[in-house]
């Protein structure tokens, strides 16, 4: 199992300089990849191009570039460009986002996301192979049939025609699709105790494509807080969990709430959502079960984290991307070092 670093977004309490320091320290420690995210604030490709120019060995990956935000051709151009600038170090993570962001921010209908994702990845792969792009799908028609457009191909030669593509997936059907058409899966709230059901869906998708799970990159983003008291460490993750389980999406369409329910936390998930949507965020955070936080995070002293890293590796994880819940840059760097030490202790590192 390898380590990665999930930087997330730019926020009010982080700076580009912080993210650069974390990426450079992760590279020094031998982490395999650094990921950047986007929602409706900072975008991921700008951050990754900037990081790629100031690193030399660590891969840079989007987790994710939003499918409704860009045409497939624009995404292929961006992926090819960053891969060229980085010397072949780019990983393209894609996701459909959710209906609120897709329709409210990007003005793109959310319906039939599986079909849209399949078509999108088809076009991106075709463009990256420098084949002439001609496509007739439900969502994408290239070129448009009633205008002056002509079928085109990528206008330069990137270093790789097969940039690895990852899908962010939560639900069973999305997991099957990731297994079928992608090179890896970007997971969230990944619990080793629940991983069998999720990996079964991925494996089913791999089987449809005539492939096995071998070589498929399973990449959860896992919050990390190092300290002596597990419960105290978990307090730093509560607000994040409450936001996703309680406040992401609508009452009827919250993929993370549905995931928590499938994991056996249905009563707590409903309570967290009720409180969050009633604007009682503090109470919602308090209602997230400690067991849920502990199973989906790395919490506690270094030796305990090493034990949990073994559990993640045994549960099919191939790249574990740590998400830093640290008060400042110095504590973030200390956390990166502690997890690298814990990986050595665990004996599951490559």
C-alpha atoms as a PDB file:
ATOM      1  CA  UNK A   1       0.000   0.000   0.000  1.00  0.00           C
ATOM      2  CA  UNK A   2       1.228   3.492  -0.863  1.00  0.00           C
ATOM      3  CA  UNK A   3       0.447   6.834   0.735  1.00  0.00           C
ATOM      4  CA  UNK A   4      -1.104   9.845  -0.920  1.00  0.00           C
ATOM      5  CA  UNK A   5      -2.005  13.325   0.277  1.00  0.00           C
ATOM      6  CA  UNK A   6      -5.468  14.831  -0.171  1.00  0.00           C
ATOM      7  CA  UNK A   7      -5.225  18.615  -0.019  1.00  0.00           C
ATOM      8  CA  UNK A   8      -8.915  19.260  -0.645  1.00  0.00           C
ATOM      9  CA  UNK A   9      -9.891  22.841  -1.509  1.00  0.00           C
ATOM     10  CA  UNK A  10      -8.518  26.236  -0.699  1.00  0.00           C
ATOM     11  CA  UNK A  11     -10.391  27.426   2.384  1.00  0.00           C
ATOM     12  CA  UNK A  12     -10.426  30.372   4.740  1.00  0.00           C
ATOM     13  CA  UNK A  13      -7.962  28.564   7.009  1.00  0.00           C
ATOM     14  CA  UNK A  14      -5.484  27.306   4.370  1.00  0.00           C
ATOM     15  CA  UNK A  15      -3.211  29.072   1.936  1.00  0.00           C
ATOM     16  CA  UNK A  16      -1.518  28.045  -1.317  1.00  0.00           C
ATOM     17  CA  UNK A  17       1.775  28.235   0.562  1.00  0.00           C
ATOM     18  CA  UNK A  18       0.470  25.681   3.092  1.00  0.00           C
ATOM     19  CA  UNK A  19      -0.569  23.314   0.329  1.00  0.00           C
ATOM     20  CA  UNK A  20       2.776  23.667  -1.413  1.00  0.00           C
ATOM     21  CA  UNK A  21       4.646  22.948   1.830  1.00  0.00           C
ATOM     22  CA  UNK A  22       2.532  19.838   2.433  1.00  0.00           C
ATOM     23  CA  UNK A  23       3.024  18.605  -1.137  1.00  0.00           C
ATOM     24  CA  UNK A  24       6.783  19.120  -1.026  1.00  0.00           C
ATOM     25  CA  UNK A  25       7.058  17.380   2.357  1.00  0.00           C
ATOM     26  CA  UNK A  26       4.935  14.490   1.089  1.00  0.00           C
ATOM     27  CA  UNK A  27       7.256  14.184  -1.910  1.00  0.00           C
ATOM     28  CA  UNK A  28      10.308  14.149   0.369  1.00  0.00           C
ATOM     29  CA  UNK A  29       8.717  11.404   2.476  1.00  0.00           C
ATOM     30  CA  UNK A  30       7.977   9.218  -0.542  1.00  0.00           C
ATOM     31  CA  UNK A  31       4.216   9.730  -0.843  1.00  0.00           C
ATOM     32  CA  UNK A  32       2.991   8.571  -4.244  1.00  0.00           C
ATOM     33  CA  UNK A  33       0.504  11.304  -5.162  1.00  0.00           C
ATOM     34  CA  UNK A  34      -0.967  14.608  -4.061  1.00  0.00           C
ATOM     35  CA  UNK A  35      -4.626  15.300  -4.879  1.00  0.00           C
ATOM     36  CA  UNK A  36      -6.558  18.562  -5.127  1.00  0.00           C
ATOM     37  CA  UNK A  37     -10.347  18.920  -5.072  1.00  0.00           C
ATOM     38  CA  UNK A  38     -12.951  21.341  -6.370  1.00  0.00           C
ATOM     39  CA  UNK A  39     -16.585  22.114  -5.577  1.00  0.00           C
ATOM     40  CA  UNK A  40     -17.663  25.723  -6.165  1.00  0.00           C
ATOM     41  CA  UNK A  41     -14.531  27.546  -4.995  1.00  0.00           C
ATOM     42  CA  UNK A  42     -10.937  26.868  -6.001  1.00  0.00           C
ATOM     43  CA  UNK A  43     -10.523  24.619  -9.025  1.00  0.00           C
ATOM     44  CA  UNK A  44      -8.300  21.562  -9.023  1.00  0.00           C
ATOM     45  CA  UNK A  45      -6.309  21.810 -12.307  1.00  0.00           C
ATOM     46  CA  UNK A  46      -4.902  25.270 -11.544  1.00  0.00           C
ATOM     47  CA  UNK A  47      -3.655  24.065  -8.169  1.00  0.00           C
ATOM     48  CA  UNK A  48      -2.179  20.881  -9.657  1.00  0.00           C
ATOM     49  CA  UNK A  49      -0.347  22.671 -12.461  1.00  0.00           C
ATOM     50  CA  UNK A  50       1.146  25.039  -9.878  1.00  0.00           C
ATOM     51  CA  UNK A  51       2.211  22.149  -7.634  1.00  0.00           C
ATOM     52  CA  UNK A  52       3.608  20.175 -10.569  1.00  0.00           C
ATOM     53  CA  UNK A  53       5.929  23.047 -11.406  1.00  0.00           C
ATOM     54  CA  UNK A  54       7.406  22.992  -7.891  1.00  0.00           C
ATOM     55  CA  UNK A  55       7.785  19.234  -7.405  1.00  0.00           C
ATOM     56  CA  UNK A  56       9.627  16.602  -9.404  1.00  0.00           C
ATOM     57  CA  UNK A  57       8.647  13.037  -8.462  1.00  0.00           C
ATOM     58  CA  UNK A  58       5.251  12.978  -6.741  1.00  0.00           C
ATOM     59  CA  UNK A  59       2.202  12.446  -8.954  1.00  0.00           C
ATOM     60  CA  UNK A  60      -0.487  15.141  -9.055  1.00  0.00           C
ATOM     61  CA  UNK A  61      -4.133  14.128  -9.267  1.00  0.00           C
ATOM     62  CA  UNK A  62      -7.551  15.716  -9.496  1.00  0.00           C
ATOM     63  CA  UNK A  63      -9.984  14.457  -6.896  1.00  0.00           C
ATOM     64  CA  UNK A  64     -11.928  15.547  -8.716  1.00  0.00           C
ATOM     65  CA  UNK A  65     -12.410  17.533 -11.876  1.00  0.00           C
ATOM     66  CA  UNK A  66     -16.188  17.927 -12.061  1.00  0.00           C
ATOM     67  CA  UNK A  67     -17.865  16.399 -15.095  1.00  0.00           C
ATOM     68  CA  UNK A  68     -20.577  19.093 -15.333  1.00  0.00           C
ATOM     69  CA  UNK A  69     -17.971  21.874 -15.182  1.00  0.00           C
ATOM     70  CA  UNK A  70     -16.207  21.113 -18.483  1.00  0.00           C
ATOM     71  CA  UNK A  71     -16.808  19.506 -21.827  1.00  0.00           C
ATOM     72  CA  UNK A  72     -15.027  16.170 -22.258  1.00  0.00           C
ATOM     73  CA  UNK A  73     -12.734  17.752 -24.836  1.00  0.00           C
ATOM     74  CA  UNK A  74     -11.745  20.545 -22.436  1.00  0.00           C
ATOM     75  CA  UNK A  75     -10.963  17.972 -19.762  1.00  0.00           C
ATOM     76  CA  UNK A  76      -8.828  15.962 -22.208  1.00  0.00           C
ATOM     77  CA  UNK A  77      -6.922  19.125 -23.158  1.00  0.00           C
ATOM     78  CA  UNK A  78      -6.315  20.000 -19.503  1.00  0.00           C
ATOM     79  CA  UNK A  79      -5.242  16.468 -18.606  1.00  0.00           C
ATOM     80  CA  UNK A  80      -2.847  16.265 -21.550  1.00  0.00           C
ATOM     81  CA  UNK A  81      -1.390  19.680 -20.729  1.00  0.00           C
ATOM     82  CA  UNK A  82      -0.776  18.990 -17.025  1.00  0.00           C
ATOM     83  CA  UNK A  83       0.641  15.565 -17.879  1.00  0.00           C
ATOM     84  CA  UNK A  84       3.053  17.277 -20.269  1.00  0.00           C
ATOM     85  CA  UNK A  85       4.023  20.018 -17.815  1.00  0.00           C
ATOM     86  CA  UNK A  86       4.623  17.453 -15.054  1.00  0.00           C
ATOM     87  CA  UNK A  87       6.582  14.984 -17.166  1.00  0.00           C
ATOM     88  CA  UNK A  88       3.899  12.293 -17.063  1.00  0.00           C
ATOM     89  CA  UNK A  89       2.793  12.653 -13.423  1.00  0.00           C
ATOM     90  CA  UNK A  90      -0.907  13.492 -13.798  1.00  0.00           C
ATOM     91  CA  UNK A  91      -3.852  11.356 -12.640  1.00  0.00           C
ATOM     92  CA  UNK A  92      -7.310  12.360 -13.835  1.00  0.00           C
ATOM     93  CA  UNK A  93     -10.006  11.925 -11.213  1.00  0.00           C
ATOM     94  CA  UNK A  94     -13.554  12.658 -12.359  1.00  0.00           C
ATOM     95  CA  UNK A  95     -16.892  12.968 -10.585  1.00  0.00           C
ATOM     96  CA  UNK A  96     -20.425  14.075 -11.386  1.00  0.00           C
ATOM     97  CA  UNK A  97     -20.681  16.128  -8.167  1.00  0.00           C
ATOM     98  CA  UNK A  98     -24.248  16.371  -6.861  1.00  0.00           C
ATOM     99  CA  UNK A  99     -27.507  17.835  -8.170  1.00  0.00           C
ATOM    100  CA  UNK A 100     -27.194  21.052  -6.165  1.00  0.00           C
ATOM    101  CA  UNK A 101     -23.763  21.935  -7.559  1.00  0.00           C
ATOM    102  CA  UNK A 102     -24.369  20.511 -11.037  1.00  0.00           C
ATOM    103  CA  UNK A 103     -27.636  22.343 -11.584  1.00  0.00           C
ATOM    104  CA  UNK A 104     -27.186  25.314  -9.257  1.00  0.00           C
ATOM    105  CA  UNK A 105     -23.568  26.240 -10.056  1.00  0.00           C
ATOM    106  CA  UNK A 106     -22.907  24.792 -13.505  1.00  0.00           C
ATOM    107  CA  UNK A 107     -26.422  24.840 -14.966  1.00  0.00           C
ATOM    108  CA  UNK A 108     -26.155  21.206 -16.074  1.00  0.00           C
ATOM    109  CA  UNK A 109     -29.006  18.768 -15.469  1.00  0.00           C
ATOM    110  CA  UNK A 110     -28.026  15.971 -13.103  1.00  0.00           C
ATOM    111  CA  UNK A 111     -30.246  13.230 -14.515  1.00  0.00           C
ATOM    112  CA  UNK A 112     -28.798   9.866 -15.613  1.00  0.00           C
ATOM    113  CA  UNK A 113     -25.311  10.472 -14.187  1.00  0.00           C
ATOM    114  CA  UNK A 114     -24.099   6.939 -15.007  1.00  0.00           C
ATOM    115  CA  UNK A 115     -24.810   7.346 -18.718  1.00  0.00           C
ATOM    116  CA  UNK A 116     -23.261  10.817 -18.740  1.00  0.00           C
ATOM    117  CA  UNK A 117     -20.119   9.552 -16.987  1.00  0.00           C
ATOM    118  CA  UNK A 118     -19.695   6.624 -19.382  1.00  0.00           C
ATOM    119  CA  UNK A 119     -19.985   8.876 -22.430  1.00  0.00           C
ATOM    120  CA  UNK A 120     -17.679  11.477 -20.893  1.00  0.00           C
ATOM    121  CA  UNK A 121     -14.915   8.963 -20.176  1.00  0.00           C
ATOM    122  CA  UNK A 122     -15.293   7.472 -23.669  1.00  0.00           C
ATOM    123  CA  UNK A 123     -14.681  10.865 -25.265  1.00  0.00           C
ATOM    124  CA  UNK A 124     -11.807  11.788 -22.940  1.00  0.00           C
ATOM    125  CA  UNK A 125      -9.997   8.521 -23.677  1.00  0.00           C
ATOM    126  CA  UNK A 126     -10.552   8.919 -27.424  1.00  0.00           C
ATOM    127  CA  UNK A 127      -9.139  12.441 -27.349  1.00  0.00           C
ATOM    128  CA  UNK A 128      -6.114  11.463 -25.246  1.00  0.00           C
ATOM    129  CA  UNK A 129      -5.286   8.729 -27.763  1.00  0.00           C
ATOM    130  CA  UNK A 130      -5.211  11.507 -30.409  1.00  0.00           C
ATOM    131  CA  UNK A 131      -7.945   9.819 -32.374  1.00  0.00           C
ATOM    132  CA  UNK A 132     -10.406  11.924 -34.327  1.00  0.00           C
ATOM    133  CA  UNK A 133     -13.327  12.533 -31.985  1.00  0.00           C
ATOM    134  CA  UNK A 134     -16.679  11.628 -33.473  1.00  0.00           C
ATOM    135  CA  UNK A 135     -19.363  10.632 -30.987  1.00  0.00           C
ATOM    136  CA  UNK A 136     -23.119  10.109 -31.006  1.00  0.00           C
ATOM    137  CA  UNK A 137     -24.391   9.611 -27.476  1.00  0.00           C
ATOM    138  CA  UNK A 138     -27.386  10.546 -25.379  1.00  0.00           C
ATOM    139  CA  UNK A 139     -25.619  13.570 -23.864  1.00  0.00           C
ATOM    140  CA  UNK A 140     -22.738  14.314 -26.222  1.00  0.00           C
ATOM    141  CA  UNK A 141     -22.800  14.695 -30.013  1.00  0.00           C
ATOM    142  CA  UNK A 142     -19.474  15.502 -31.653  1.00  0.00           C
ATOM    143  CA  UNK A 143     -19.439  17.208 -34.009  1.00  0.00           C
ATOM    144  CA  UNK A 144     -22.904  18.726 -33.819  1.00  0.00           C
ATOM    145  CA  UNK A 145     -24.904  17.256 -36.704  1.00  0.00           C
ATOM    146  CA  UNK A 146     -26.529  20.469 -37.907  1.00  0.00           C
ATOM    147  CA  UNK A 147     -23.663  22.944 -37.971  1.00  0.00           C
ATOM    148  CA  UNK A 148     -20.297  23.734 -39.547  1.00  0.00           C
ATOM    149  CA  UNK A 149     -18.213  21.866 -36.965  1.00  0.00           C
ATOM    150  CA  UNK A 150     -15.840  19.106 -38.023  1.00  0.00           C
ATOM    151  CA  UNK A 151     -14.402  16.132 -36.164  1.00  0.00           C
ATOM    152  CA  UNK A 152     -11.022  17.035 -34.681  1.00  0.00           C
ATOM    153  CA  UNK A 153      -8.200  15.394 -32.767  1.00  0.00           C
ATOM    154  CA  UNK A 154      -5.891  16.661 -30.030  1.00  0.00           C
ATOM    155  CA  UNK A 155      -3.462  19.084 -31.590  1.00  0.00           C
ATOM    156  CA  UNK A 156      -0.253  18.026 -29.821  1.00  0.00           C
ATOM    157  CA  UNK A 157       1.446  14.850 -28.625  1.00  0.00           C
ATOM    158  CA  UNK A 158       1.242  14.438 -24.820  1.00  0.00           C
ATOM    159  CA  UNK A 159       3.762  12.100 -23.174  1.00  0.00           C
ATOM    160  CA  UNK A 160       1.110   9.417 -22.539  1.00  0.00           C
ATOM    161  CA  UNK A 161      -2.019   8.414 -24.459  1.00  0.00           C
ATOM    162  CA  UNK A 162      -3.275   6.470 -21.435  1.00  0.00           C
ATOM    163  CA  UNK A 163      -3.385   8.912 -18.516  1.00  0.00           C
ATOM    164  CA  UNK A 164      -4.927   6.965 -15.596  1.00  0.00           C
ATOM    165  CA  UNK A 165      -8.568   7.840 -14.988  1.00  0.00           C
ATOM    166  CA  UNK A 166     -10.225   7.555 -11.574  1.00  0.00           C
ATOM    167  CA  UNK A 167     -13.883   7.896 -10.679  1.00  0.00           C
ATOM    168  CA  UNK A 168     -15.243   9.262  -7.417  1.00  0.00           C
ATOM    169  CA  UNK A 169     -18.024   6.831  -6.558  1.00  0.00           C
ATOM    170  CA  UNK A 170     -20.256   6.204  -3.547  1.00  0.00           C
ATOM    171  CA  UNK A 171     -23.290   4.176  -4.582  1.00  0.00           C
ATOM    172  CA  UNK A 172     -23.228   0.538  -5.782  1.00  0.00           C
ATOM    173  CA  UNK A 173     -23.991   1.307  -9.438  1.00  0.00           C
ATOM    174  CA  UNK A 174     -21.311   4.006  -9.544  1.00  0.00           C
ATOM    175  CA  UNK A 175     -18.846   1.561  -7.996  1.00  0.00           C
ATOM    176  CA  UNK A 176     -19.611  -0.987 -10.703  1.00  0.00           C
ATOM    177  CA  UNK A 177     -19.099   1.684 -13.352  1.00  0.00           C
ATOM    178  CA  UNK A 178     -15.756   2.678 -11.820  1.00  0.00           C
ATOM    179  CA  UNK A 179     -14.618  -0.921 -11.939  1.00  0.00           C
ATOM    180  CA  UNK A 180     -15.715  -1.266 -15.546  1.00  0.00           C
ATOM    181  CA  UNK A 181     -14.366   1.912 -17.179  1.00  0.00           C
ATOM    182  CA  UNK A 182     -11.761   3.436 -14.845  1.00  0.00           C
ATOM    183  CA  UNK A 183      -8.264   2.674 -13.590  1.00  0.00           C
ATOM    184  CA  UNK A 184      -9.032   3.529  -9.980  1.00  0.00           C
ATOM    185  CA  UNK A 185     -11.672   4.505  -7.449  1.00  0.00           C
ATOM    186  CA  UNK A 186     -11.629   7.646  -5.285  1.00  0.00           C
ATOM    187  CA  UNK A 187     -13.430   6.650  -2.097  1.00  0.00           C
ATOM    188  CA  UNK A 188     -14.708   8.590   0.892  1.00  0.00           C
ATOM    189  CA  UNK A 189     -15.743   7.347   4.361  1.00  0.00           C
ATOM    190  CA  UNK A 190     -13.990   4.079   3.565  1.00  0.00           C
ATOM    191  CA  UNK A 191     -14.189   1.665   6.494  1.00  0.00           C
ATOM    192  CA  UNK A 192     -12.193  -1.579   6.317  1.00  0.00           C
ATOM    193  CA  UNK A 193     -15.082  -3.267   8.158  1.00  0.00           C
ATOM    194  CA  UNK A 194     -17.480  -2.402   5.308  1.00  0.00           C
ATOM    195  CA  UNK A 195     -15.146  -2.602   2.331  1.00  0.00           C
ATOM    196  CA  UNK A 196     -16.152  -6.073   1.188  1.00  0.00           C
ATOM    197  CA  UNK A 197     -19.560  -4.948  -0.086  1.00  0.00           C
ATOM    198  CA  UNK A 198     -18.081  -1.992  -1.954  1.00  0.00           C
ATOM    199  CA  UNK A 199     -15.245  -3.965  -3.516  1.00  0.00           C
ATOM    200  CA  UNK A 200     -17.717  -6.620  -4.622  1.00  0.00           C
ATOM    201  CA  UNK A 201     -19.447  -3.961  -6.720  1.00  0.00           C
ATOM    202  CA  UNK A 202     -16.126  -2.795  -8.168  1.00  0.00           C
ATOM    203  CA  UNK A 203     -15.158  -6.393  -8.924  1.00  0.00           C
ATOM    204  CA  UNK A 204     -18.462  -6.957 -10.726  1.00  0.00           C
ATOM    205  CA  UNK A 205     -17.687  -3.994 -12.957  1.00  0.00           C
ATOM    206  CA  UNK A 206     -14.189  -5.261 -13.627  1.00  0.00           C
ATOM    207  CA  UNK A 207     -15.675  -8.606 -14.628  1.00  0.00           C
ATOM    208  CA  UNK A 208     -17.981  -6.968 -17.171  1.00  0.00           C
ATOM    209  CA  UNK A 209     -14.904  -5.457 -18.782  1.00  0.00           C
ATOM    210  CA  UNK A 210     -13.082  -8.802 -18.757  1.00  0.00           C
ATOM    211  CA  UNK A 211     -10.657  -7.654 -16.068  1.00  0.00           C
ATOM    212  CA  UNK A 212      -9.738  -8.550 -12.520  1.00  0.00           C
ATOM    213  CA  UNK A 213      -9.274  -6.297  -9.520  1.00  0.00           C
ATOM    214  CA  UNK A 214      -5.487  -6.674  -9.802  1.00  0.00           C
ATOM    215  CA  UNK A 215      -3.976  -3.393 -10.958  1.00  0.00           C
ATOM    216  CA  UNK A 216      -7.049  -1.348 -10.017  1.00  0.00           C
ATOM    217  CA  UNK A 217      -6.145   1.496  -7.640  1.00  0.00           C
ATOM    218  CA  UNK A 218      -8.390   1.758  -4.567  1.00  0.00           C
ATOM    219  CA  UNK A 219      -7.828   5.255  -3.152  1.00  0.00           C
ATOM    220  CA  UNK A 220      -9.785   6.368  -0.087  1.00  0.00           C
ATOM    221  CA  UNK A 221      -9.339   9.835   1.352  1.00  0.00           C
ATOM    222  CA  UNK A 222      -8.905   9.278   5.100  1.00  0.00           C
ATOM    223  CA  UNK A 223      -8.879  11.994   7.800  1.00  0.00           C
ATOM    224  CA  UNK A 224      -5.875  11.775  10.121  1.00  0.00           C
ATOM    225  CA  UNK A 225      -5.452  13.198  13.609  1.00  0.00           C
ATOM    226  CA  UNK A 226      -2.469  12.042  15.683  1.00  0.00           C
ATOM    227  CA  UNK A 227      -2.709  12.154  19.478  1.00  0.00           C
ATOM    228  CA  UNK A 228      -2.920  10.091  22.640  1.00  0.00           C
ATOM    229  CA  UNK A 229      -6.701  10.313  23.127  1.00  0.00           C
ATOM    230  CA  UNK A 230      -8.763   8.754  20.312  1.00  0.00           C
ATOM    231  CA  UNK A 231     -11.996  10.475  21.325  1.00  0.00           C
ATOM    232  CA  UNK A 232     -10.266  13.856  21.485  1.00  0.00           C
ATOM    233  CA  UNK A 233      -8.767  13.277  18.031  1.00  0.00           C
ATOM    234  CA  UNK A 234     -12.208  12.408  16.675  1.00  0.00           C
ATOM    235  CA  UNK A 235     -13.577  15.778  17.791  1.00  0.00           C
ATOM    236  CA  UNK A 236     -11.580  17.443  14.998  1.00  0.00           C
ATOM    237  CA  UNK A 237     -13.275  15.254  12.379  1.00  0.00           C
ATOM    238  CA  UNK A 238     -16.858  15.590  13.636  1.00  0.00           C
ATOM    239  CA  UNK A 239     -17.687  18.790  11.754  1.00  0.00           C
ATOM    240  CA  UNK A 240     -16.432  17.358   8.465  1.00  0.00           C
ATOM    241  CA  UNK A 241     -18.488  14.182   8.888  1.00  0.00           C
ATOM    242  CA  UNK A 242     -21.586  16.125   9.899  1.00  0.00           C
ATOM    243  CA  UNK A 243     -21.276  18.390   6.858  1.00  0.00           C
ATOM    244  CA  UNK A 244     -21.204  15.455   4.441  1.00  0.00           C
ATOM    245  CA  UNK A 245     -23.653  13.107   6.183  1.00  0.00           C
ATOM    246  CA  UNK A 246     -26.028  15.887   7.168  1.00  0.00           C
ATOM    247  CA  UNK A 247     -25.618  18.786   4.813  1.00  0.00           C
ATOM    248  CA  UNK A 248     -24.344  17.651   1.418  1.00  0.00           C
ATOM    249  CA  UNK A 249     -27.197  17.526  -1.054  1.00  0.00           C
ATOM    250  CA  UNK A 250     -30.864  17.567  -0.201  1.00  0.00           C
ATOM    251  CA  UNK A 251     -32.823  15.506   2.289  1.00  0.00           C
ATOM    252  CA  UNK A 252     -33.722  13.021  -0.447  1.00  0.00           C
ATOM    253  CA  UNK A 253     -30.432  13.066  -2.389  1.00  0.00           C
ATOM    254  CA  UNK A 254     -27.446  12.893  -0.078  1.00  0.00           C
ATOM    255  CA  UNK A 255     -25.091  10.146  -1.263  1.00  0.00           C
ATOM    256  CA  UNK A 256     -22.985  10.281   1.901  1.00  0.00           C
ATOM    257  CA  UNK A 257     -26.006   9.931   4.154  1.00  0.00           C
ATOM    258  CA  UNK A 258     -27.081   6.918   2.113  1.00  0.00           C
ATOM    259  CA  UNK A 259     -23.590   5.446   2.442  1.00  0.00           C
ATOM    260  CA  UNK A 260     -23.639   5.853   6.230  1.00  0.00           C
ATOM    261  CA  UNK A 261     -26.995   4.093   6.253  1.00  0.00           C
ATOM    262  CA  UNK A 262     -25.658   1.175   4.207  1.00  0.00           C
ATOM    263  CA  UNK A 263     -22.773   0.950   6.670  1.00  0.00           C
ATOM    264  CA  UNK A 264     -25.251   0.335   9.496  1.00  0.00           C
ATOM    265  CA  UNK A 265     -25.587   3.861  10.893  1.00  0.00           C
ATOM    266  CA  UNK A 266     -29.048   4.645   9.542  1.00  0.00           C
ATOM    267  CA  UNK A 267     -30.582   6.020  12.757  1.00  0.00           C
ATOM    268  CA  UNK A 268     -27.586   8.249  13.435  1.00  0.00           C
ATOM    269  CA  UNK A 269     -27.464   9.396   9.797  1.00  0.00           C
ATOM    270  CA  UNK A 270     -31.107  10.500   9.944  1.00  0.00           C
ATOM    271  CA  UNK A 271     -30.521  12.337  13.203  1.00  0.00           C
ATOM    272  CA  UNK A 272     -27.414  14.090  11.889  1.00  0.00           C
ATOM    273  CA  UNK A 273     -29.278  15.163   8.759  1.00  0.00           C
ATOM    274  CA  UNK A 274     -32.332  16.388  10.681  1.00  0.00           C
ATOM    275  CA  UNK A 275     -30.158  18.482  12.972  1.00  0.00           C
ATOM    276  CA  UNK A 276     -27.964  19.825  10.192  1.00  0.00           C
ATOM    277  CA  UNK A 277     -30.864  20.861   7.974  1.00  0.00           C
ATOM    278  CA  UNK A 278     -32.462  22.525  11.011  1.00  0.00           C
ATOM    279  CA  UNK A 279     -29.280  24.656  11.165  1.00  0.00           C
ATOM    280  CA  UNK A 280     -28.170  22.994  14.405  1.00  0.00           C
ATOM    281  CA  UNK A 281     -24.713  22.135  13.102  1.00  0.00           C
ATOM    282  CA  UNK A 282     -23.107  21.836  16.529  1.00  0.00           C
ATOM    283  CA  UNK A 283     -25.710  19.286  17.601  1.00  0.00           C
ATOM    284  CA  UNK A 284     -25.355  17.485  14.281  1.00  0.00           C
ATOM    285  CA  UNK A 285     -21.615  17.142  14.803  1.00  0.00           C
ATOM    286  CA  UNK A 286     -22.153  15.816  18.315  1.00  0.00           C
ATOM    287  CA  UNK A 287     -24.585  13.203  16.950  1.00  0.00           C
ATOM    288  CA  UNK A 288     -22.030  11.569  14.628  1.00  0.00           C
ATOM    289  CA  UNK A 289     -21.128   8.247  16.300  1.00  0.00           C
ATOM    290  CA  UNK A 290     -17.562   7.927  17.529  1.00  0.00           C
ATOM    291  CA  UNK A 291     -17.440   4.422  16.045  1.00  0.00           C
ATOM    292  CA  UNK A 292     -18.250   5.803  12.571  1.00  0.00           C
ATOM    293  CA  UNK A 293     -15.499   8.414  12.882  1.00  0.00           C
ATOM    294  CA  UNK A 294     -12.988   5.868  14.147  1.00  0.00           C
ATOM    295  CA  UNK A 295     -13.740   3.359  11.395  1.00  0.00           C
ATOM    296  CA  UNK A 296     -13.397   5.943   8.614  1.00  0.00           C
ATOM    297  CA  UNK A 297     -10.399   7.890   9.966  1.00  0.00           C
ATOM    298  CA  UNK A 298      -6.902   7.367  11.341  1.00  0.00           C
ATOM    299  CA  UNK A 299      -7.066   8.512  14.962  1.00  0.00           C
ATOM    300  CA  UNK A 300      -4.793   8.190  17.959  1.00  0.00           C
ATOM    301  CA  UNK A 301      -1.112   7.474  18.606  1.00  0.00           C
ATOM    302  CA  UNK A 302       1.288   6.309  15.936  1.00  0.00           C
ATOM    303  CA  UNK A 303       1.155   2.624  16.899  1.00  0.00           C
ATOM    304  CA  UNK A 304      -2.635   2.593  16.684  1.00  0.00           C
ATOM    305  CA  UNK A 305      -2.512   4.275  13.286  1.00  0.00           C
ATOM    306  CA  UNK A 306      -0.061   1.594  12.152  1.00  0.00           C
ATOM    307  CA  UNK A 307      -2.565  -1.082  13.152  1.00  0.00           C
ATOM    308  CA  UNK A 308      -5.322   0.665  11.219  1.00  0.00           C
ATOM    309  CA  UNK A 309      -3.071   0.967   8.170  1.00  0.00           C
ATOM    310  CA  UNK A 310      -2.743  -2.802   8.236  1.00  0.00           C
ATOM    311  CA  UNK A 311      -6.534  -3.074   8.314  1.00  0.00           C
ATOM    312  CA  UNK A 312      -6.864  -0.731   5.333  1.00  0.00           C
ATOM    313  CA  UNK A 313      -4.302  -2.688   3.329  1.00  0.00           C
ATOM    314  CA  UNK A 314      -6.046  -5.962   4.151  1.00  0.00           C
ATOM    315  CA  UNK A 315      -9.333  -4.364   3.042  1.00  0.00           C
ATOM    316  CA  UNK A 316      -8.055  -3.769  -0.475  1.00  0.00           C
ATOM    317  CA  UNK A 317      -6.642  -0.245  -0.294  1.00  0.00           C
ATOM    318  CA  UNK A 318      -3.703   0.301  -2.647  1.00  0.00           C
ATOM    319  CA  UNK A 319      -3.192   4.056  -2.147  1.00  0.00           C
ATOM    320  CA  UNK A 320      -4.324   5.611   1.135  1.00  0.00           C
ATOM    321  CA  UNK A 321      -4.603   9.384   0.820  1.00  0.00           C
ATOM    322  CA  UNK A 322      -4.383  11.205   4.119  1.00  0.00           C
ATOM    323  CA  UNK A 323      -6.484  14.281   4.731  1.00  0.00           C
ATOM    324  CA  UNK A 324      -4.853  16.581   7.259  1.00  0.00           C
ATOM    325  CA  UNK A 325      -6.898  17.864  10.181  1.00  0.00           C
ATOM    326  CA  UNK A 326      -4.141  19.986  11.671  1.00  0.00           C
ATOM    327  CA  UNK A 327      -4.204  23.414  13.286  1.00  0.00           C
ATOM    328  CA  UNK A 328      -1.361  24.891  11.246  1.00  0.00           C
ATOM    329  CA  UNK A 329       1.378  24.135   8.757  1.00  0.00           C
ATOM    330  CA  UNK A 330       3.809  22.782  11.345  1.00  0.00           C
ATOM    331  CA  UNK A 331       1.258  20.318  12.708  1.00  0.00           C
ATOM    332  CA  UNK A 332       0.341  19.287   9.174  1.00  0.00           C
ATOM    333  CA  UNK A 333       3.954  18.468   8.375  1.00  0.00           C
ATOM    334  CA  UNK A 334       4.256  16.552  11.659  1.00  0.00           C
ATOM    335  CA  UNK A 335       1.172  14.533  10.715  1.00  0.00           C
ATOM    336  CA  UNK A 336       2.603  13.625   7.313  1.00  0.00           C
ATOM    337  CA  UNK A 337       5.776  12.393   9.002  1.00  0.00           C
ATOM    338  CA  UNK A 338       3.856  10.459  11.645  1.00  0.00           C
ATOM    339  CA  UNK A 339       1.796   8.613   9.034  1.00  0.00           C
ATOM    340  CA  UNK A 340       4.933   7.773   7.037  1.00  0.00           C
ATOM    341  CA  UNK A 341       6.483   6.385  10.240  1.00  0.00           C
ATOM    342  CA  UNK A 342       3.293   4.435  10.969  1.00  0.00           C
ATOM    343  CA  UNK A 343       3.382   2.907   7.488  1.00  0.00           C
ATOM    344  CA  UNK A 344       6.903   1.692   8.173  1.00  0.00           C
ATOM    345  CA  UNK A 345       5.745   0.216  11.496  1.00  0.00           C
ATOM    346  CA  UNK A 346       2.785  -1.479   9.834  1.00  0.00           C
ATOM    347  CA  UNK A 347       4.888  -3.427   7.345  1.00  0.00           C
ATOM    348  CA  UNK A 348       2.342  -2.945   4.540  1.00  0.00           C
ATOM    349  CA  UNK A 349       4.141  -0.212   2.603  1.00  0.00           C
ATOM    350  CA  UNK A 350       5.595  -0.837  -0.827  1.00  0.00           C
END
